[in-house]
Amino acid sequence: MMYDGGHMGALGWVGATVGSVVFWAVIVGLIVLVVRNARGPTAAPPAHRPDPERMLAERFARGEIDEQEYRQRLQVLRDQGL
């Protein structure tokens, strides 16, 4: 049954308007998500800071410094809390 000669009433216009706004908001949101994901991550990964004691141990292992220098530098690092 149609009332009002087949025309939409006020509630019909409000529903159609809200429905259109929601539809287009979803479409635009999906487009934004697709574009962001296509670009990849926007922030650079955090820089890895090497451990000073490990770097010192590697230098000792490569023979760049002797045992006495290794122990002195290790003590300085530990005294400074690094």
N, C-alpha and C. Protein backbone atom coordinates (compact mmCIF):
# COMPACT_ATOMS: atom_id res chain seq x y z
N MET A 1 0.82 -1.18 0.00
CA MET A 1 0.00 0.00 0.00
C MET A 1 0.87 1.25 0.00
N MET A 2 0.53 2.18 -0.78
CA MET A 2 1.26 3.44 -0.82
C MET A 2 0.37 4.55 -0.30
N TYR A 3 0.96 5.31 0.56
CA TYR A 3 0.24 6.47 1.09
C TYR A 3 0.84 7.72 0.48
N ASP A 4 0.18 8.76 0.55
CA ASP A 4 0.65 10.07 0.06
C ASP A 4 0.94 10.01 -1.43
N GLY A 5 0.21 9.26 -2.16
CA GLY A 5 0.34 9.22 -3.60
C GLY A 5 1.64 8.61 -4.09
N GLY A 6 2.31 7.77 -3.31
CA GLY A 6 3.55 7.14 -3.73
C GLY A 6 4.79 7.97 -3.49
N HIS A 7 4.68 9.11 -2.84
CA HIS A 7 5.82 9.97 -2.55
C HIS A 7 6.41 9.61 -1.20
N MET A 8 7.73 9.87 -1.06
CA MET A 8 8.37 9.64 0.24
C MET A 8 7.97 10.74 1.21
N GLY A 9 7.79 10.37 2.45
CA GLY A 9 7.52 11.35 3.49
C GLY A 9 8.83 11.89 4.03
N ALA A 10 8.76 12.69 5.07
CA ALA A 10 9.95 13.29 5.68
C ALA A 10 10.92 12.24 6.20
N LEU A 11 10.39 11.20 6.81
CA LEU A 11 11.24 10.15 7.35
C LEU A 11 11.98 9.42 6.22
N GLY A 12 11.34 9.25 5.10
CA GLY A 12 11.98 8.62 3.95
C GLY A 12 13.14 9.43 3.42
N TRP A 13 12.97 10.73 3.37
CA TRP A 13 14.05 11.61 2.91
C TRP A 13 15.23 11.59 3.88
N VAL A 14 14.94 11.60 5.17
CA VAL A 14 16.01 11.55 6.18
C VAL A 14 16.76 10.24 6.06
N GLY A 15 16.01 9.14 5.94
CA GLY A 15 16.66 7.83 5.81
C GLY A 15 17.51 7.73 4.57
N ALA A 16 17.02 8.24 3.46
CA ALA A 16 17.79 8.20 2.22
C ALA A 16 19.05 9.06 2.32
N THR A 17 18.95 10.20 2.95
CA THR A 17 20.10 11.08 3.11
C THR A 17 21.16 10.45 4.00
N VAL A 18 20.73 9.94 5.14
CA VAL A 18 21.67 9.30 6.07
C VAL A 18 22.31 8.08 5.40
N GLY A 19 21.52 7.31 4.70
CA GLY A 19 22.04 6.13 4.00
C GLY A 19 23.08 6.50 2.97
N SER A 20 22.85 7.55 2.23
CA SER A 20 23.82 8.00 1.22
C SER A 20 25.12 8.47 1.88
N VAL A 21 25.00 9.23 2.94
CA VAL A 21 26.21 9.73 3.62
C VAL A 21 27.02 8.55 4.17
N VAL A 22 26.36 7.58 4.79
CA VAL A 22 27.07 6.42 5.33
C VAL A 22 27.72 5.63 4.19
N PHE A 23 27.00 5.42 3.10
CA PHE A 23 27.53 4.68 1.96
C PHE A 23 28.81 5.33 1.44
N TRP A 24 28.77 6.64 1.20
CA TRP A 24 29.95 7.32 0.67
C TRP A 24 31.09 7.41 1.68
N ALA A 25 30.76 7.50 2.95
CA ALA A 25 31.81 7.51 3.98
C ALA A 25 32.54 6.16 3.98
N VAL A 26 31.81 5.09 3.84
CA VAL A 26 32.44 3.76 3.78
C VAL A 26 33.31 3.63 2.53
N ILE A 27 32.82 4.10 1.40
CA ILE A 27 33.59 4.03 0.15
C ILE A 27 34.88 4.83 0.27
N VAL A 28 34.79 6.06 0.77
CA VAL A 28 35.98 6.91 0.92
C VAL A 28 36.94 6.28 1.93
N GLY A 29 36.42 5.75 3.03
CA GLY A 29 37.27 5.10 4.03
C GLY A 29 38.02 3.91 3.45
N LEU A 30 37.35 3.10 2.64
CA LEU A 30 38.02 1.97 2.01
C LEU A 30 39.11 2.42 1.05
N ILE A 31 38.85 3.47 0.30
CA ILE A 31 39.86 4.00 -0.62
C ILE A 31 41.08 4.48 0.16
N VAL A 32 40.86 5.19 1.26
CA VAL A 32 41.97 5.68 2.09
C VAL A 32 42.78 4.51 2.63
N LEU A 33 42.12 3.46 3.12
CA LEU A 33 42.83 2.30 3.64
C LEU A 33 43.65 1.61 2.56
N VAL A 34 43.09 1.48 1.37
CA VAL A 34 43.82 0.83 0.28
C VAL A 34 45.05 1.64 -0.10
N VAL A 35 44.92 2.96 -0.18
CA VAL A 35 46.05 3.81 -0.54
C VAL A 35 47.13 3.76 0.53
N ARG A 36 46.74 3.80 1.80
CA ARG A 36 47.74 3.73 2.88
C ARG A 36 48.47 2.41 2.89
N ASN A 37 47.75 1.32 2.70
CA ASN A 37 48.40 0.00 2.70
C ASN A 37 49.27 -0.20 1.47
N ALA A 38 48.93 0.42 0.36
CA ALA A 38 49.73 0.29 -0.85
C ALA A 38 51.05 1.03 -0.71
N ARG A 39 51.08 2.09 0.07
CA ARG A 39 52.30 2.87 0.26
C ARG A 39 53.31 2.17 1.14
N GLY A 40 52.86 1.31 2.03
CA GLY A 40 53.75 0.65 2.98
C GLY A 40 53.82 1.45 4.26
N PRO A 41 54.70 1.05 5.15
CA PRO A 41 54.80 1.76 6.43
C PRO A 41 55.30 3.19 6.24
N THR A 42 54.74 4.11 7.00
CA THR A 42 55.11 5.51 6.86
C THR A 42 56.26 5.90 7.77
N ALA A 43 56.41 5.23 8.87
CA ALA A 43 57.47 5.57 9.81
C ALA A 43 58.65 4.62 9.61
N ALA A 44 59.84 5.17 9.74
CA ALA A 44 61.03 4.34 9.64
C ALA A 44 61.13 3.43 10.86
N PRO A 45 61.62 2.24 10.68
CA PRO A 45 61.77 1.36 11.84
C PRO A 45 62.77 1.96 12.83
N PRO A 46 62.59 1.67 14.11
CA PRO A 46 63.52 2.24 15.08
C PRO A 46 64.95 1.76 14.83
N ALA A 47 65.86 2.69 14.96
CA ALA A 47 67.26 2.37 14.73
C ALA A 47 67.77 1.45 15.83
N HIS A 48 68.50 0.42 15.43
CA HIS A 48 69.06 -0.52 16.40
C HIS A 48 70.37 0.04 16.92
N ARG A 49 70.41 0.25 18.21
CA ARG A 49 71.62 0.79 18.83
C ARG A 49 72.43 -0.37 19.39
N PRO A 50 73.64 -0.57 18.89
CA PRO A 50 74.44 -1.69 19.36
C PRO A 50 74.85 -1.52 20.82
N ASP A 51 74.96 -2.61 21.51
CA ASP A 51 75.37 -2.63 22.91
C ASP A 51 76.87 -2.32 22.99
N PRO A 52 77.29 -1.32 23.78
CA PRO A 52 78.71 -0.94 23.84
C PRO A 52 79.60 -2.09 24.31
N GLU A 53 79.13 -2.87 25.28
CA GLU A 53 79.96 -3.99 25.76
C GLU A 53 80.14 -5.04 24.68
N ARG A 54 79.10 -5.27 23.90
CA ARG A 54 79.20 -6.26 22.82
C ARG A 54 80.17 -5.76 21.74
N MET A 55 80.09 -4.46 21.41
CA MET A 55 81.01 -3.91 20.42
C MET A 55 82.45 -4.04 20.90
N LEU A 56 82.67 -3.78 22.17
CA LEU A 56 84.02 -3.89 22.74
C LEU A 56 84.50 -5.33 22.68
N ALA A 57 83.63 -6.27 23.02
CA ALA A 57 83.99 -7.69 22.97
C ALA A 57 84.32 -8.12 21.54
N GLU A 58 83.57 -7.60 20.57
CA GLU A 58 83.85 -7.94 19.18
C GLU A 58 85.21 -7.39 18.74
N ARG A 59 85.54 -6.19 19.18
CA ARG A 59 86.86 -5.63 18.85
C ARG A 59 87.97 -6.47 19.46
N PHE A 60 87.75 -6.92 20.68
CA PHE A 60 88.74 -7.78 21.34
C PHE A 60 88.86 -9.11 20.59
N ALA A 61 87.74 -9.67 20.18
CA ALA A 61 87.75 -10.94 19.47
C ALA A 61 88.45 -10.82 18.11
N ARG A 62 88.34 -9.68 17.46
CA ARG A 62 89.01 -9.48 16.17
C ARG A 62 90.49 -9.16 16.32
N GLY A 63 90.92 -8.91 17.56
CA GLY A 63 92.33 -8.61 17.80
C GLY A 63 92.68 -7.15 17.63
N GLU A 64 91.69 -6.28 17.58
CA GLU A 64 91.94 -4.85 17.42
C GLU A 64 92.50 -4.24 18.70
N ILE A 65 92.13 -4.80 19.83
CA ILE A 65 92.63 -4.32 21.13
C ILE A 65 93.11 -5.53 21.92
N ASP A 66 94.07 -5.28 22.84
CA ASP A 66 94.57 -6.38 23.66
C ASP A 66 93.72 -6.54 24.92
N GLU A 67 94.05 -7.55 25.72
CA GLU A 67 93.24 -7.87 26.89
C GLU A 67 93.25 -6.73 27.91
N GLN A 68 94.39 -6.12 28.10
CA GLN A 68 94.48 -5.03 29.08
C GLN A 68 93.59 -3.86 28.68
N GLU A 69 93.65 -3.47 27.42
CA GLU A 69 92.80 -2.36 26.94
C GLU A 69 91.32 -2.75 27.02
N TYR A 70 91.02 -4.02 26.69
CA TYR A 70 89.64 -4.49 26.77
C TYR A 70 89.11 -4.35 28.20
N ARG A 71 89.88 -4.82 29.16
CA ARG A 71 89.43 -4.76 30.56
C ARG A 71 89.29 -3.31 31.04
N GLN A 72 90.21 -2.44 30.66
CA GLN A 72 90.14 -1.04 31.06
C GLN A 72 88.88 -0.39 30.49
N ARG A 73 88.64 -0.59 29.22
CA ARG A 73 87.46 0.03 28.57
C ARG A 73 86.16 -0.56 29.11
N LEU A 74 86.18 -1.85 29.39
CA LEU A 74 84.99 -2.50 29.95
C LEU A 74 84.68 -1.91 31.32
N GLN A 75 85.71 -1.68 32.11
CA GLN A 75 85.51 -1.09 33.44
C GLN A 75 84.95 0.33 33.32
N VAL A 76 85.45 1.10 32.36
CA VAL A 76 84.94 2.46 32.16
C VAL A 76 83.47 2.42 31.76
N LEU A 77 83.12 1.51 30.86
CA LEU A 77 81.72 1.40 30.45
C LEU A 77 80.80 1.05 31.64
N ARG A 78 81.26 0.12 32.44
CA ARG A 78 80.44 -0.31 33.58
C ARG A 78 80.38 0.77 34.65
N ASP A 79 81.43 1.53 34.83
CA ASP A 79 81.41 2.63 35.81
C ASP A 79 80.46 3.74 35.38
N GLN A 80 80.34 3.96 34.08
CA GLN A 80 79.46 5.00 33.56
C GLN A 80 78.02 4.51 33.45
N GLY A 81 77.78 3.24 33.63
CA GLY A 81 76.43 2.69 33.56
C GLY A 81 75.91 2.53 32.16
N LEU A 82 76.78 2.36 31.19
CA LEU A 82 76.36 2.18 29.79
C LEU A 82 76.11 0.74 29.49
